[in-house]
Amino acid sequence: MTKVLAILLLFFSNLSYAQLTVLKHPNTIYGLSVSRDGTRIVAAGKDSAVYVYTTKGSQLGKFEGFRHSIADVAFGLDSLEVVAVDYSGFGYRINLESRIIDEKKVHTASALSVNVLYDQNLTITTGRDQIVVVWKDGWNQNVKLFGHEGHTRQTMYHDSLGLISIADDKKIKIWDLAGAEKQSIDTEHPEPIWQIAMNDKNQFITGDRGGNIFLWTDDWVLKSQWKGHEGPISGIVAMDDYIITSGFDSKIKIWKGDKVIKIFKAHDKYCSGIALAENNTLLISSGGDGKVIIWSIHNLMND
């Protein structure tokens, strides 16, 4: 056995050891989220179905009958609710116990993401109509945030700054929840921004369609930038001193600062997203191969 082959066999053996559970689905998974307590997973995608699991891999429910492929999912304000948005612009609130689905046209074009702000009792959606929408009282009341000049991709909330949105116009915008734009940052990202996250040091991490990663201070001064993936960044999470990213190159990478310390191919097709679970002991990934994979962080870091 050659030395190279021995190294490859060792790598893939250890990688299999890091895979705790592989959940297979008939088609691409686009949306992935973990419950607030870190114990449940919701995933959905091209087959227009929503799947709910424990982090041990047991299926708690499968929900069907949606109008189009599901673009994104999140656990709702109630522990028995899941919120989903689809590529026809509809939003859905799914009661996991009664299985009742409340639907609403939430965007005039494809909806792209949904984010639930638990402490503010709000749901935020984005879409290809270039609008960010703040929803209150289910789908009954909304405030529309106009200002981006491109598909709105993702949002997050910061206690001091407010609501933060990213879009294909390569800008980061900060809003109050009443709809007023407080700040707009021209990021100099070379490609549309698709992902944003924050680490324990109150630093922001953004990733774009070209695979570039930017690290920002808490007052939006660019600290560093580097090439992270070949192709779009599909997910960013942060834990302790580490940043974990996923990309359309099928890889997941673990970084310390801008230095990569671990690279592995996670999916047979592109990796569509990642999330942390169980107090950051598990990494959940989803992909174009229809798989949702539950990984041991400890085993990934120590193989």
Protein backbone atom coordinates (compact mmCIF):
# COMPACT_ATOMS: atom_id res chain seq x y z
CA MET A 1 0.00 0.00 0.00
CA THR A 2 1.38 3.40 -0.97
CA LYS A 3 1.80 6.13 1.57
CA VAL A 4 -0.75 8.36 -0.23
CA LEU A 5 -3.36 5.59 -0.29
CA ALA A 6 -2.79 4.86 3.38
CA ILE A 7 -3.35 8.53 4.24
CA LEU A 8 -6.54 8.64 2.16
CA LEU A 9 -7.91 5.49 3.77
CA LEU A 10 -7.16 6.86 7.23
CA PHE A 11 -8.86 10.16 6.36
CA PHE A 12 -12.07 8.60 5.07
CA SER A 13 -12.17 6.07 7.93
CA ASN A 14 -12.01 8.89 10.45
CA LEU A 15 -14.55 10.92 8.46
CA SER A 16 -17.02 8.02 8.60
CA TYR A 17 -16.44 7.88 12.36
CA ALA A 18 -17.42 11.56 12.55
CA GLN A 19 -20.71 10.83 10.73
CA LEU A 20 -23.16 9.87 13.45
CA THR A 21 -26.28 9.68 11.26
CA VAL A 22 -27.08 10.10 7.56
CA LEU A 23 -30.71 10.98 6.74
CA LYS A 24 -31.57 10.38 3.08
CA HIS A 25 -34.21 12.24 1.08
CA PRO A 26 -35.42 11.86 -2.52
CA ASN A 27 -34.00 15.17 -3.72
CA THR A 28 -32.00 18.31 -2.90
CA ILE A 29 -32.33 19.81 0.57
CA TYR A 30 -32.42 23.62 0.39
CA GLY A 31 -33.49 24.61 3.91
CA LEU A 32 -32.01 23.43 7.21
CA SER A 33 -32.52 24.65 10.77
CA VAL A 34 -32.12 23.51 14.39
CA SER A 35 -34.54 24.22 17.23
CA ARG A 36 -33.70 26.82 19.84
CA ASP A 37 -32.89 24.13 22.42
CA GLY A 38 -30.62 22.37 19.90
CA THR A 39 -32.42 19.01 20.04
CA ARG A 40 -34.48 18.93 16.82
CA ILE A 41 -33.76 19.39 13.12
CA VAL A 42 -36.05 20.58 10.34
CA ALA A 43 -35.10 20.14 6.68
CA ALA A 44 -36.91 20.72 3.39
CA GLY A 45 -36.23 21.19 -0.28
CA LYS A 46 -36.96 20.26 -3.86
CA ASP A 47 -39.50 17.51 -3.14
CA SER A 48 -41.83 20.09 -1.50
CA ALA A 49 -41.89 18.22 1.80
CA VAL A 50 -40.83 19.30 5.30
CA TYR A 51 -39.08 16.76 7.56
CA VAL A 52 -38.63 17.03 11.33
CA TYR A 53 -36.10 14.89 13.23
CA THR A 54 -34.46 14.56 16.60
CA THR A 55 -30.71 15.11 16.63
CA LYS A 56 -30.43 11.35 17.14
CA GLY A 57 -31.93 10.91 13.67
CA SER A 58 -35.46 9.75 14.59
CA GLN A 59 -38.13 11.21 12.31
CA LEU A 60 -40.82 13.13 14.20
CA GLY A 61 -42.89 14.10 11.19
CA LYS A 62 -43.16 14.60 7.45
CA PHE A 63 -45.40 17.31 6.01
CA GLU A 64 -46.46 17.57 2.37
CA GLY A 65 -48.88 19.46 0.13
CA PHE A 66 -46.96 22.69 -0.37
CA ARG A 67 -47.24 24.73 -3.56
CA HIS A 68 -43.59 24.60 -4.63
CA SER A 69 -40.12 23.51 -3.58
CA ILE A 70 -39.29 24.76 -0.09
CA ALA A 71 -36.53 27.39 -0.04
CA ASP A 72 -35.98 27.66 3.71
CA VAL A 73 -37.33 26.50 7.08
CA ALA A 74 -37.07 27.48 10.75
CA PHE A 75 -38.60 26.46 14.04
CA GLY A 76 -41.34 28.88 15.09
CA LEU A 77 -42.00 30.90 18.21
CA ASP A 78 -43.97 27.97 19.60
CA SER A 79 -42.07 24.72 20.10
CA LEU A 80 -44.81 22.97 18.12
CA GLU A 81 -44.46 25.22 15.06
CA VAL A 82 -42.27 25.16 11.97
CA VAL A 83 -42.17 28.07 9.50
CA ALA A 84 -41.32 27.50 5.84
CA VAL A 85 -41.12 29.61 2.67
CA ASP A 86 -41.20 28.38 -0.91
CA TYR A 87 -40.06 29.42 -4.38
CA SER A 88 -43.58 30.56 -5.34
CA GLY A 89 -43.42 33.26 -2.66
CA PHE A 90 -45.67 31.54 -0.11
CA GLY A 91 -45.01 31.20 3.59
CA TYR A 92 -46.35 28.39 5.78
CA ARG A 93 -46.83 27.94 9.50
CA ILE A 94 -47.03 24.25 10.33
CA ASN A 95 -48.42 23.03 13.65
CA LEU A 96 -46.48 19.84 14.36
CA GLU A 97 -49.18 18.48 16.65
CA SER A 98 -52.42 19.27 14.79
CA ARG A 99 -50.71 19.22 11.35
CA ILE A 100 -52.70 22.35 10.42
CA ILE A 101 -50.89 24.51 7.87
CA ASP A 102 -51.54 28.28 7.71
CA GLU A 103 -50.32 29.73 4.39
CA LYS A 104 -49.82 33.27 3.14
CA LYS A 105 -48.35 34.92 0.04
CA VAL A 106 -45.34 36.59 1.67
CA HIS A 107 -43.37 37.78 -1.38
CA THR A 108 -44.39 38.73 -4.91
CA ALA A 109 -41.49 36.64 -6.27
CA SER A 110 -39.68 33.60 -4.84
CA ALA A 111 -39.12 33.70 -1.09
CA LEU A 112 -35.51 32.85 -0.19
CA SER A 113 -35.16 32.76 3.59
CA VAL A 114 -37.06 32.78 6.87
CA ASN A 115 -35.68 33.82 10.25
CA VAL A 116 -37.55 33.67 13.57
CA LEU A 117 -36.65 36.27 16.23
CA TYR A 118 -37.77 34.49 19.39
CA ASP A 119 -37.20 37.34 21.85
CA GLN A 120 -38.92 39.89 19.61
CA ASN A 121 -41.84 37.59 18.68
CA LEU A 122 -41.24 38.26 14.98
CA THR A 123 -40.66 36.35 11.75
CA ILE A 124 -38.47 37.80 8.99
CA THR A 125 -38.63 36.74 5.34
CA THR A 126 -36.53 37.67 2.30
CA GLY A 127 -37.05 37.16 -1.41
CA ARG A 128 -36.31 37.82 -5.04
CA ASP A 129 -38.60 40.87 -4.96
CA GLN A 130 -35.71 42.71 -3.20
CA ILE A 131 -37.75 43.24 -0.01
CA VAL A 132 -37.24 42.22 3.61
CA VAL A 133 -40.56 41.65 5.41
CA VAL A 134 -41.06 41.75 9.19
CA TRP A 135 -44.07 39.66 10.26
CA LYS A 136 -45.93 39.97 13.56
CA ASP A 137 -48.89 37.99 14.92
CA GLY A 138 -48.39 35.07 12.54
CA TRP A 139 -48.91 36.29 8.98
CA ASN A 140 -51.40 38.99 10.07
CA GLN A 141 -49.25 42.13 10.31
CA ASN A 142 -46.15 43.12 8.39
CA VAL A 143 -43.64 45.89 7.80
CA LYS A 144 -41.85 45.92 4.45
CA LEU A 145 -38.24 47.09 4.31
CA PHE A 146 -37.31 48.63 0.95
CA GLY A 147 -33.78 49.65 0.03
CA HIS A 148 -31.84 46.71 -1.38
CA GLU A 149 -31.27 46.57 -5.12
CA GLY A 150 -31.01 42.83 -5.56
CA HIS A 151 -32.43 39.60 -4.17
CA THR A 152 -32.54 39.82 -0.37
CA ARG A 153 -30.79 36.69 0.91
CA GLN A 154 -30.63 36.47 4.68
CA THR A 155 -31.20 38.35 7.95
CA MET A 156 -29.95 38.23 11.51
CA TYR A 157 -30.69 40.26 14.62
CA HIS A 158 -28.18 42.06 16.85
CA ASP A 159 -29.37 43.39 20.21
CA SER A 160 -27.48 46.69 19.91
CA LEU A 161 -27.56 47.29 16.15
CA GLY A 162 -30.95 45.96 15.12
CA LEU A 163 -32.03 43.86 12.15
CA ILE A 164 -29.21 43.13 9.67
CA SER A 165 -29.89 42.10 6.06
CA ILE A 166 -27.68 41.02 3.16
CA ALA A 167 -28.47 40.96 -0.55
CA ASP A 168 -27.19 40.49 -4.07
CA ASP A 169 -26.40 44.25 -4.24
CA LYS A 170 -23.34 43.40 -2.06
CA LYS A 171 -24.59 45.69 0.71
CA ILE A 172 -25.28 45.10 4.36
CA LYS A 173 -28.19 47.11 5.73
CA ILE A 174 -29.21 47.70 9.33
CA TRP A 175 -32.83 48.49 10.22
CA ASP A 176 -34.97 49.18 13.21
CA LEU A 177 -37.93 46.86 13.50
CA ALA A 178 -40.34 49.67 12.61
CA GLY A 179 -38.85 49.72 9.11
CA ALA A 180 -36.38 52.62 9.18
CA GLU A 181 -32.97 52.07 7.58
CA LYS A 182 -30.28 52.98 10.10
CA GLN A 183 -27.10 52.17 8.16
CA SER A 184 -25.94 50.84 4.80
CA ILE A 185 -22.47 49.32 4.34
CA ASP A 186 -20.85 49.01 0.91
CA THR A 187 -18.86 45.85 1.55
CA GLU A 188 -16.60 45.64 -1.52
CA HIS A 189 -17.50 41.96 -1.77
CA PRO A 190 -16.68 41.03 -5.38
CA GLU A 191 -19.83 38.88 -5.63
CA PRO A 192 -23.35 39.00 -4.11
CA ILE A 193 -23.41 38.28 -0.36
CA TRP A 194 -25.23 35.04 0.44
CA GLN A 195 -24.33 34.31 4.09
CA ILE A 196 -23.78 36.18 7.35
CA ALA A 197 -23.01 35.04 10.91
CA MET A 198 -21.52 36.40 14.15
CA ASN A 199 -18.91 34.87 16.44
CA ASP A 200 -18.47 35.03 20.21
CA LYS A 201 -16.29 38.14 19.87
CA ASN A 202 -19.12 40.14 18.27
CA GLN A 203 -17.33 39.97 14.93
CA PHE A 204 -19.37 39.44 11.78
CA ILE A 205 -18.52 36.94 9.05
CA THR A 206 -19.94 37.30 5.53
CA GLY A 207 -19.62 34.95 2.58
CA ASP A 208 -20.40 35.57 -1.08
CA ARG A 209 -21.34 33.75 -4.28
CA GLY A 210 -17.71 33.65 -5.37
CA GLY A 211 -16.51 31.80 -2.25
CA ASN A 212 -14.97 34.85 -0.55
CA ILE A 213 -15.14 35.28 3.23
CA PHE A 214 -14.91 38.67 4.99
CA LEU A 215 -14.34 39.10 8.74
CA TRP A 216 -15.64 42.38 10.26
CA THR A 217 -15.32 44.11 13.61
CA ASP A 218 -18.49 44.94 15.52
CA ASP A 219 -18.50 48.43 14.00
CA TRP A 220 -18.11 47.13 10.41
CA VAL A 221 -14.40 47.70 9.89
CA LEU A 222 -13.05 44.99 7.60
CA LYS A 223 -10.51 42.98 9.58
CA SER A 224 -9.52 40.34 7.00
CA GLN A 225 -10.71 38.62 3.85
CA TRP A 226 -9.78 35.38 2.12
CA LYS A 227 -10.87 32.86 -0.49
CA GLY A 228 -12.84 30.18 1.32
CA HIS A 229 -14.46 27.94 -1.31
CA GLU A 230 -14.60 27.37 -5.03
CA GLY A 231 -18.09 28.65 -5.74
CA PRO A 232 -20.79 30.05 -3.45
CA ILE A 233 -20.62 30.01 0.33
CA SER A 234 -23.75 28.14 1.44
CA GLY A 235 -23.36 28.29 5.21
CA ILE A 236 -21.40 29.94 8.04
CA VAL A 237 -21.48 29.10 11.75
CA ALA A 238 -19.11 30.15 14.51
CA MET A 239 -18.13 28.50 17.80
CA ASP A 240 -15.43 29.48 20.28
CA ASP A 241 -12.40 30.55 18.20
CA TYR A 242 -13.52 28.67 15.09
CA ILE A 243 -15.50 29.46 11.96
CA ILE A 244 -17.10 26.62 10.00
CA THR A 245 -18.17 27.18 6.40
CA SER A 246 -19.84 25.11 3.70
CA GLY A 247 -19.81 25.62 -0.03
CA PHE A 248 -21.12 24.59 -3.42
CA ASP A 249 -17.79 22.78 -3.86
CA SER A 250 -19.29 20.05 -1.59
CA LYS A 251 -16.76 20.86 1.14
CA ILE A 252 -16.95 21.91 4.75
CA LYS A 253 -13.98 23.83 6.14
CA ILE A 254 -13.03 24.65 9.72
CA TRP A 255 -11.06 27.87 10.20
CA LYS A 256 -9.15 29.49 13.03
CA GLY A 257 -9.08 33.09 11.92
CA ASP A 258 -8.33 32.99 8.20
CA LYS A 259 -6.27 29.77 8.51
CA VAL A 260 -7.99 26.55 7.52
CA ILE A 261 -7.36 23.67 9.92
CA LYS A 262 -9.73 21.06 8.48
CA ILE A 263 -11.18 20.39 5.01
CA PHE A 264 -13.45 17.53 4.05
CA LYS A 265 -15.90 16.64 1.31
CA ALA A 266 -19.23 16.44 3.09
CA HIS A 267 -21.68 15.62 0.30
CA ASP A 268 -21.73 13.89 -3.08
CA LYS A 269 -23.18 17.07 -4.62
CA TYR A 270 -23.02 20.64 -3.34
CA CYS A 271 -23.39 21.37 0.37
CA SER A 272 -26.49 23.56 0.79
CA GLY A 273 -26.19 24.52 4.44
CA ILE A 274 -24.89 23.86 7.96
CA ALA A 275 -26.12 24.39 11.51
CA LEU A 276 -24.89 23.69 15.05
CA ALA A 277 -26.86 21.60 17.55
CA GLU A 278 -26.72 20.10 21.07
CA ASN A 279 -24.64 22.92 22.62
CA ASN A 280 -22.23 22.99 19.67
CA THR A 281 -21.36 19.29 20.00
CA LEU A 282 -23.02 18.45 16.67
CA LEU A 283 -22.71 19.89 13.18
CA ILE A 284 -25.66 19.32 10.83
CA SER A 285 -25.14 19.61 7.07
CA SER A 286 -27.46 19.33 4.07
CA GLY A 287 -26.77 18.87 0.40
CA GLY A 288 -27.77 18.53 -3.21
CA ASP A 289 -27.47 14.77 -2.75
CA GLY A 290 -30.62 14.82 -0.59
CA LYS A 291 -28.72 13.97 2.57
CA VAL A 292 -28.84 15.55 5.99
CA ILE A 293 -25.75 14.45 7.92
CA ILE A 294 -25.25 14.69 11.67
CA TRP A 295 -21.55 15.05 12.52
CA SER A 296 -19.69 14.84 15.81
CA ILE A 297 -17.75 18.09 16.27
CA HIS A 298 -15.33 16.32 18.63
CA ASN A 299 -14.56 13.62 16.08
CA LEU A 300 -14.16 16.13 13.26
CA MET A 301 -11.74 18.22 15.28
CA ASN A 302 -9.73 15.30 16.61
CA ASP A 303 -9.53 12.75 13.77
